[in-house]
Amino acid sequence: MAEITLVKAVNDALVTEMERDPSVCVLGEDVGRGGGVFRATEGLLGRFGPGRVIDTPLNEVGIVGMAIGMAMNGLRPVAEIEFVDFIYPAFDQIVSELAKIRYRSAGQFTAPVVVRAPSGGGIKGGHYHSQSPEAYFIHTAGLVVAMPSTPADAKGLLSSAIRGEDPVIFLEPKALYRTVKGEVPEGEYLVPFGVGRIVRPGSDVTLVAWGGMVPVAEKAAADAASEGVDVEIIDPRTLWPLDIAMIEASVKRTGRAVVLHEAPRTCGFGAEISALIQERCFLHLKAPVARVTGFDTPFPFALETSYLPDPERTLRAIRASMAF
C-alpha cells in the first residue's frame, strides 16, 4: 500500500473507476486542463480525453442538471462543485430532481450521480469558501451523504459512490487534503456505506466526529487520556446512512456522548445524532449528550480559529460530561 494524501486518494479513486468502467465520466469547472481548483482531477484529461473529462462553464445548476441527464442515459457522472459553498444554485436540481428520480419512477430509473465538493473551513477561505452544509442534504430523502477523514476512506467511499445506484453528495474536508497522509490500497478498493469506523477505542466517553473534526477529536482524546479519561472516537464516514448501531453500542458502554462538528449548532447534524442517542440510550446515559460545534453565524475570516471547534473546547465538553 502506498502512503498518500487525501486529495491524491480522491484522484486515485477516479482513475481506478474510470479505467474499470467506461461509463464513468467527470465534469465541472476547470476539472480538465486545470485539474480542479485543488488538483483532485489532475492528469485525468490526458489519460481519458475530453469526451470523459468535461470542462464546463461556471454554472452549477447546469453541471448537476447535465449530470442527471447523463445518468438517466446510462452514464455514471462525477460532478465537481469547486467549493461546496457554490452548490446552492444547484440545490433545486439536487433535492427536487436528483433525490427523487428513483422514488417517482418506482425504481424504473436509477440515479448514479456523484456530486463531489470540497467542504468545511481551515484554509482561511472566509464565509464563501468554508461552509459545512451537510445537514441540508441529510434532510433530503433519497440522497447518500459521505465525508471521509482519511485517504483510505476517501478512495474507498468514492469508489463505492461511483458504483452505486443512488445519488451521493461526497463532501471532502479541504483542510485535510494535504495535511493528512495514510496507507491506501492500490487498485480497486471499496468502503461500504452505512458502516462507521472506530478511530480510537475507549471506555469513558463516546466522541462522534467526522471530516475535518476527526483530527481535533484525536487531539482532545489524547489530552483527556493524560487526565485519566478514556475516550472512544467514532467516525461515521457516511453521515447518511448513519451507522447508529455502532454509536448506540458505544454509548451504552460508556454512558456519555459528545458530538463534534464544525457546522453551525442549530439544526446541525449533531442535533439529530443527539436525539437518536437519547431515544436509544436514555437509561444508559450518565450525563446529557454534549455538542461542540461551529456558531450560528456566517463563517468568519479573521476569527476562523475562534469559530472552528478545537481540542480545548472539545476537552471542556469531555470534562463536563465526566463531572456531571
Protein backbone atom coordinates (compact mmCIF):
# COMPACT_ATOMS: atom_id res chain seq x y z
CA MET A 1 0.00 0.00 0.00
CA ALA A 2 1.20 3.48 -0.84
CA GLU A 3 1.14 6.33 1.67
CA ILE A 4 -0.59 9.25 0.01
CA THR A 5 -2.56 12.40 0.80
CA LEU A 6 -6.35 12.58 0.90
CA VAL A 7 -6.56 14.58 -2.33
CA LYS A 8 -4.32 12.06 -4.06
CA ALA A 9 -6.61 9.28 -2.81
CA VAL A 10 -9.57 11.04 -4.44
CA ASN A 11 -7.63 11.21 -7.69
CA ASP A 12 -6.66 7.54 -7.35
CA ALA A 13 -10.31 6.53 -6.91
CA LEU A 14 -11.33 8.47 -10.03
CA VAL A 15 -8.54 6.90 -12.11
CA THR A 16 -9.36 3.41 -10.85
CA GLU A 17 -13.08 3.70 -11.53
CA MET A 18 -12.65 5.37 -14.93
CA GLU A 19 -10.29 2.63 -16.03
CA ARG A 20 -12.65 -0.03 -14.77
CA ASP A 21 -15.88 1.37 -16.25
CA PRO A 22 -16.00 3.43 -19.47
CA SER A 23 -19.39 4.89 -18.46
CA VAL A 24 -17.73 6.88 -15.64
CA CYS A 25 -17.05 10.48 -16.59
CA VAL A 26 -16.04 13.65 -14.77
CA LEU A 27 -17.44 17.15 -15.29
CA GLY A 28 -17.08 20.51 -13.63
CA GLU A 29 -15.35 23.85 -13.70
CA ASP A 30 -11.64 23.52 -14.59
CA VAL A 31 -11.61 19.76 -13.94
CA GLY A 32 -9.83 19.10 -17.24
CA ARG A 33 -6.87 21.21 -18.22
CA GLY A 34 -6.64 22.83 -14.78
CA GLY A 35 -7.07 19.60 -12.83
CA GLY A 36 -9.58 21.23 -10.49
CA VAL A 37 -9.01 24.05 -8.05
CA PHE A 38 -7.40 21.59 -5.59
CA ARG A 39 -5.89 19.41 -8.37
CA ALA A 40 -8.09 16.45 -7.47
CA THR A 41 -8.68 15.68 -11.17
CA GLU A 42 -5.11 16.37 -12.28
CA GLY A 43 -3.99 14.13 -15.14
CA LEU A 44 -7.44 12.79 -16.00
CA LEU A 45 -7.85 14.82 -19.19
CA GLY A 46 -4.65 13.50 -20.73
CA ARG A 47 -5.47 9.97 -19.68
CA PHE A 48 -9.15 9.74 -20.66
CA GLY A 49 -9.71 12.59 -23.10
CA PRO A 50 -12.23 15.45 -23.36
CA GLY A 51 -15.13 13.08 -24.01
CA ARG A 52 -14.93 11.80 -20.43
CA VAL A 53 -13.32 14.75 -18.62
CA ILE A 54 -15.51 17.73 -19.39
CA ASP A 55 -14.71 21.35 -18.56
CA THR A 56 -17.98 23.20 -18.01
CA PRO A 57 -18.98 26.86 -17.78
CA LEU A 58 -19.32 28.49 -14.35
CA ASN A 59 -22.84 27.13 -13.99
CA GLU A 60 -23.52 24.82 -11.06
CA VAL A 61 -27.17 24.28 -11.91
CA GLY A 62 -26.09 23.30 -15.41
CA ILE A 63 -23.40 20.96 -14.11
CA VAL A 64 -25.78 18.99 -11.92
CA GLY A 65 -28.63 19.16 -14.43
CA MET A 66 -26.37 17.78 -17.15
CA ALA A 67 -25.13 15.06 -14.79
CA ILE A 68 -28.72 13.99 -14.11
CA GLY A 69 -29.43 13.68 -17.83
CA MET A 70 -26.21 11.74 -18.37
CA ALA A 71 -27.09 9.32 -15.57
CA MET A 72 -30.57 8.70 -16.93
CA ASN A 73 -29.00 7.77 -20.24
CA GLY A 74 -26.59 5.15 -18.97
CA LEU A 75 -23.54 7.11 -17.82
CA ARG A 76 -22.05 7.43 -14.33
CA PRO A 77 -21.12 11.10 -13.99
CA VAL A 78 -19.00 12.53 -11.19
CA ALA A 79 -19.80 16.23 -10.99
CA GLU A 80 -17.40 18.52 -9.17
CA ILE A 81 -18.52 21.71 -7.45
CA GLU A 82 -15.37 23.78 -6.83
CA PHE A 83 -16.40 24.68 -3.27
CA VAL A 84 -19.48 23.32 -1.53
CA ASP A 85 -20.48 26.94 -0.85
CA PHE A 86 -21.27 27.23 -4.57
CA ILE A 87 -23.64 24.25 -4.58
CA TYR A 88 -26.72 26.33 -3.74
CA PRO A 89 -27.58 27.33 -7.34
CA ALA A 90 -27.85 23.57 -7.99
CA PHE A 91 -29.86 22.90 -4.84
CA ASP A 92 -33.19 22.59 -6.66
CA GLN A 93 -31.74 20.13 -9.17
CA ILE A 94 -30.31 18.03 -6.31
CA VAL A 95 -33.24 17.97 -3.87
CA SER A 96 -36.19 18.26 -6.27
CA GLU A 97 -34.94 16.13 -9.16
CA LEU A 98 -31.87 14.02 -8.42
CA ALA A 99 -33.02 12.82 -4.99
CA LYS A 100 -36.46 11.85 -6.29
CA ILE A 101 -35.74 10.09 -9.60
CA ARG A 102 -35.82 6.56 -8.19
CA TYR A 103 -38.83 7.25 -5.94
CA ARG A 104 -41.04 8.96 -8.50
CA SER A 105 -40.27 6.30 -11.14
CA ALA A 106 -40.93 3.40 -8.72
CA GLY A 107 -37.38 2.21 -9.32
CA GLN A 108 -37.59 2.25 -13.12
CA PHE A 109 -34.76 4.79 -13.21
CA THR A 110 -31.60 4.87 -11.15
CA ALA A 111 -29.64 7.99 -10.35
CA PRO A 112 -25.92 7.14 -10.24
CA VAL A 113 -24.67 10.71 -9.89
CA VAL A 114 -21.85 11.63 -7.52
CA VAL A 115 -21.56 15.30 -6.62
CA ARG A 116 -18.09 15.97 -5.21
CA ALA A 117 -17.44 19.16 -3.26
CA PRO A 118 -14.63 20.44 -1.00
CA SER A 119 -16.26 21.26 2.33
CA GLY A 120 -15.53 22.96 5.64
CA GLY A 121 -13.08 25.54 6.91
CA GLY A 122 -9.48 25.55 7.97
CA ILE A 123 -7.89 27.26 4.96
CA LYS A 124 -8.78 30.91 5.64
CA GLY A 125 -11.40 30.87 2.92
CA GLY A 126 -13.85 33.22 4.61
CA HIS A 127 -17.60 32.89 4.52
CA TYR A 128 -17.90 31.99 0.81
CA HIS A 129 -15.40 29.12 0.84
CA SER A 130 -15.71 27.49 4.27
CA GLN A 131 -19.27 26.29 4.88
CA SER A 132 -20.40 22.88 6.11
CA PRO A 133 -23.92 22.34 4.71
CA GLU A 134 -24.17 18.57 5.14
CA ALA A 135 -27.40 18.82 7.16
CA TYR A 136 -29.29 20.27 4.17
CA PHE A 137 -28.63 17.12 2.18
CA ILE A 138 -29.05 14.62 5.03
CA HIS A 139 -32.54 16.12 5.49
CA THR A 140 -33.41 15.22 1.89
CA ALA A 141 -34.71 11.68 1.43
CA GLY A 142 -33.04 9.86 -1.44
CA LEU A 143 -29.51 11.20 -1.01
CA VAL A 144 -26.46 9.45 0.38
CA VAL A 145 -24.08 11.83 2.18
CA ALA A 146 -20.46 10.80 2.74
CA MET A 147 -17.49 12.61 4.27
CA PRO A 148 -14.14 10.82 4.63
CA SER A 149 -11.44 11.82 7.10
CA THR A 150 -8.61 9.56 5.90
CA PRO A 151 -7.05 8.90 2.49
CA ALA A 152 -8.12 5.24 2.58
CA ASP A 153 -11.73 6.17 3.30
CA ALA A 154 -11.64 8.86 0.61
CA LYS A 155 -10.72 6.29 -2.01
CA GLY A 156 -12.96 3.52 -0.71
CA LEU A 157 -16.05 5.65 -0.19
CA LEU A 158 -15.70 7.47 -3.53
CA SER A 159 -15.36 4.17 -5.39
CA SER A 160 -18.48 2.85 -3.64
CA ALA A 161 -20.30 6.09 -4.51
CA ILE A 162 -19.42 5.79 -8.20
CA ARG A 163 -20.54 2.16 -8.38
CA GLY A 164 -23.84 2.66 -6.55
CA GLU A 165 -27.27 3.37 -7.98
CA ASP A 166 -28.19 6.20 -5.59
CA PRO A 167 -27.10 9.84 -5.84
CA VAL A 168 -24.25 10.69 -3.47
CA ILE A 169 -23.21 14.04 -2.06
CA PHE A 170 -19.50 13.43 -1.49
CA LEU A 171 -18.06 16.07 0.82
CA GLU A 172 -14.28 16.32 1.01
CA PRO A 173 -12.75 18.15 4.02
CA LYS A 174 -10.46 20.54 2.21
CA ALA A 175 -8.41 21.26 5.34
CA LEU A 176 -7.29 17.62 5.26
CA TYR A 177 -6.49 17.43 1.53
CA ARG A 178 -2.74 17.70 2.06
CA THR A 179 -2.38 17.73 5.85
CA VAL A 180 -3.10 14.04 6.40
CA LYS A 181 -1.38 11.06 4.83
CA GLY A 182 -2.15 7.40 5.17
CA GLU A 183 -1.75 4.00 3.58
CA VAL A 184 -4.20 3.38 0.76
CA PRO A 185 -4.70 0.04 -1.01
CA GLU A 186 -3.67 0.06 -4.64
CA GLY A 187 -6.14 -0.96 -7.32
CA GLU A 188 -9.83 -1.49 -6.60
CA TYR A 189 -10.84 -0.73 -3.02
CA LEU A 190 -14.31 -0.20 -1.54
CA VAL A 191 -15.60 1.07 1.80
CA PRO A 192 -19.29 0.21 2.29
CA PHE A 193 -21.87 2.88 3.08
CA GLY A 194 -23.52 2.87 6.49
CA VAL A 195 -20.52 1.41 8.33
CA GLY A 196 -18.71 3.68 10.77
CA ARG A 197 -15.11 3.46 11.94
CA ILE A 198 -13.84 3.27 15.50
CA VAL A 199 -10.92 5.69 15.31
CA ARG A 200 -9.90 5.11 18.91
CA PRO A 201 -11.42 2.61 21.37
CA GLY A 202 -12.28 3.86 24.84
CA SER A 203 -14.43 3.18 27.88
CA ASP A 204 -15.41 6.51 29.48
CA VAL A 205 -16.87 8.83 26.80
CA THR A 206 -18.08 8.35 23.22
CA LEU A 207 -16.95 11.17 20.93
CA VAL A 208 -18.59 11.26 17.48
CA ALA A 209 -16.82 13.37 14.82
CA TRP A 210 -16.46 13.44 11.06
CA GLY A 211 -14.42 15.08 8.31
CA GLY A 212 -12.00 17.76 9.44
CA MET A 213 -13.02 17.35 13.07
CA VAL A 214 -11.60 13.84 13.41
CA PRO A 215 -8.01 15.07 13.98
CA VAL A 216 -9.42 17.57 16.50
CA ALA A 217 -11.16 14.70 18.28
CA GLU A 218 -7.95 12.68 18.33
CA LYS A 219 -6.00 15.52 19.93
CA ALA A 220 -8.74 16.11 22.51
CA ALA A 221 -8.82 12.38 23.31
CA ALA A 222 -5.06 12.34 23.79
CA ASP A 223 -5.32 15.32 26.15
CA ALA A 224 -8.15 13.62 28.04
CA ALA A 225 -6.06 10.47 28.38
CA SER A 226 -3.42 12.48 30.22
CA GLU A 227 -6.16 13.31 32.74
CA GLY A 228 -7.18 9.67 33.10
CA VAL A 229 -10.23 9.78 30.81
CA ASP A 230 -10.51 7.09 28.12
CA VAL A 231 -12.33 8.50 25.07
CA GLU A 232 -13.76 6.36 22.27
CA ILE A 233 -13.87 8.17 18.90
CA ILE A 234 -16.35 7.16 16.20
CA ASP A 235 -16.17 8.49 12.65
CA PRO A 236 -19.48 7.69 10.87
CA ARG A 237 -17.81 8.07 7.42
CA THR A 238 -21.24 8.13 5.77
CA LEU A 239 -23.44 10.64 7.53
CA TRP A 240 -26.45 9.14 5.79
CA PRO A 241 -26.99 6.23 6.01
CA LEU A 242 -25.70 6.61 9.57
CA ASP A 243 -24.20 3.69 11.49
CA ILE A 244 -26.37 4.40 14.51
CA ALA A 245 -25.87 0.82 15.73
CA MET A 246 -22.16 1.47 16.27
CA ILE A 247 -22.86 4.73 18.10
CA GLU A 248 -25.60 3.14 20.20
CA ALA A 249 -23.38 0.23 21.27
CA SER A 250 -20.58 2.60 22.21
CA VAL A 251 -22.77 4.97 24.24
CA LYS A 252 -24.39 2.08 26.10
CA ARG A 253 -20.89 1.02 27.18
CA THR A 254 -19.53 4.46 28.07
CA GLY A 255 -22.71 6.15 29.32
CA ARG A 256 -21.56 9.51 27.93
CA ALA A 257 -21.61 11.12 24.48
CA VAL A 258 -20.11 14.21 22.86
CA VAL A 259 -20.84 15.13 19.24
CA LEU A 260 -18.29 17.29 17.42
CA HIS A 261 -18.82 19.09 14.10
CA GLU A 262 -17.84 22.39 12.51
CA ALA A 263 -21.25 23.24 11.02
CA PRO A 264 -23.47 25.67 12.98
CA ARG A 265 -25.09 24.32 16.12
CA THR A 266 -28.78 24.91 15.43
CA CYS A 267 -30.21 22.09 13.30
CA GLY A 268 -26.70 20.78 12.67
CA PHE A 269 -26.43 17.02 12.22
CA GLY A 270 -25.20 16.79 15.79
CA ALA A 271 -28.72 17.61 16.92
CA GLU A 272 -30.10 14.57 15.10
CA ILE A 273 -27.39 12.29 16.47
CA SER A 274 -28.07 13.64 19.97
CA ALA A 275 -31.77 12.86 19.56
CA LEU A 276 -31.05 9.34 18.30
CA ILE A 277 -28.75 8.70 21.27
CA GLN A 278 -31.40 9.97 23.69
CA GLU A 279 -34.07 7.77 22.10
CA ARG A 280 -31.92 4.63 22.12
CA CYS A 281 -29.65 5.05 25.14
CA PHE A 282 -31.63 7.10 27.67
CA LEU A 283 -31.44 4.58 30.51
CA HIS A 284 -27.69 4.16 29.98
CA LEU A 285 -26.76 7.85 29.99
CA LYS A 286 -24.78 9.20 32.93
CA ALA A 287 -24.75 12.77 31.55
CA PRO A 288 -26.60 14.82 28.91
CA VAL A 289 -25.38 14.46 25.35
CA ALA A 290 -23.00 17.36 24.64
CA ARG A 291 -22.40 19.18 21.37
CA VAL A 292 -19.24 21.00 20.31
CA THR A 293 -19.93 22.89 17.09
CA GLY A 294 -19.46 25.99 15.00
CA PHE A 295 -21.53 29.02 15.89
CA ASP A 296 -24.83 30.26 14.45
CA THR A 297 -23.12 32.97 12.42
CA PRO A 298 -21.70 33.26 8.92
CA PHE A 299 -18.28 31.65 8.76
CA PRO A 300 -15.77 34.39 9.69
CA PHE A 301 -12.44 35.15 8.03
CA ALA A 302 -10.43 36.90 10.74
CA LEU A 303 -11.93 34.80 13.54
CA GLU A 304 -11.77 31.43 11.80
CA THR A 305 -9.79 29.80 14.61
CA SER A 306 -12.33 31.04 17.16
CA TYR A 307 -15.24 29.73 15.12
CA LEU A 308 -13.87 26.26 14.45
CA PRO A 309 -14.09 23.78 17.33
CA ASP A 310 -10.64 22.98 18.67
CA PRO A 311 -9.20 20.37 21.06
CA GLU A 312 -9.59 22.67 24.08
CA ARG A 313 -13.32 23.29 23.51
CA THR A 314 -13.77 19.58 22.94
CA LEU A 315 -11.82 18.70 26.08
CA ARG A 316 -14.00 21.06 28.13
CA ALA A 317 -17.09 19.19 26.94
CA ILE A 318 -15.48 15.86 27.83
CA ARG A 319 -14.60 17.15 31.31
CA ALA A 320 -18.14 18.47 31.84
CA SER A 321 -19.62 15.13 30.81
CA MET A 322 -17.34 13.27 33.21
CA ALA A 323 -18.12 15.68 36.06
CA PHE A 324 -21.90 15.64 35.65
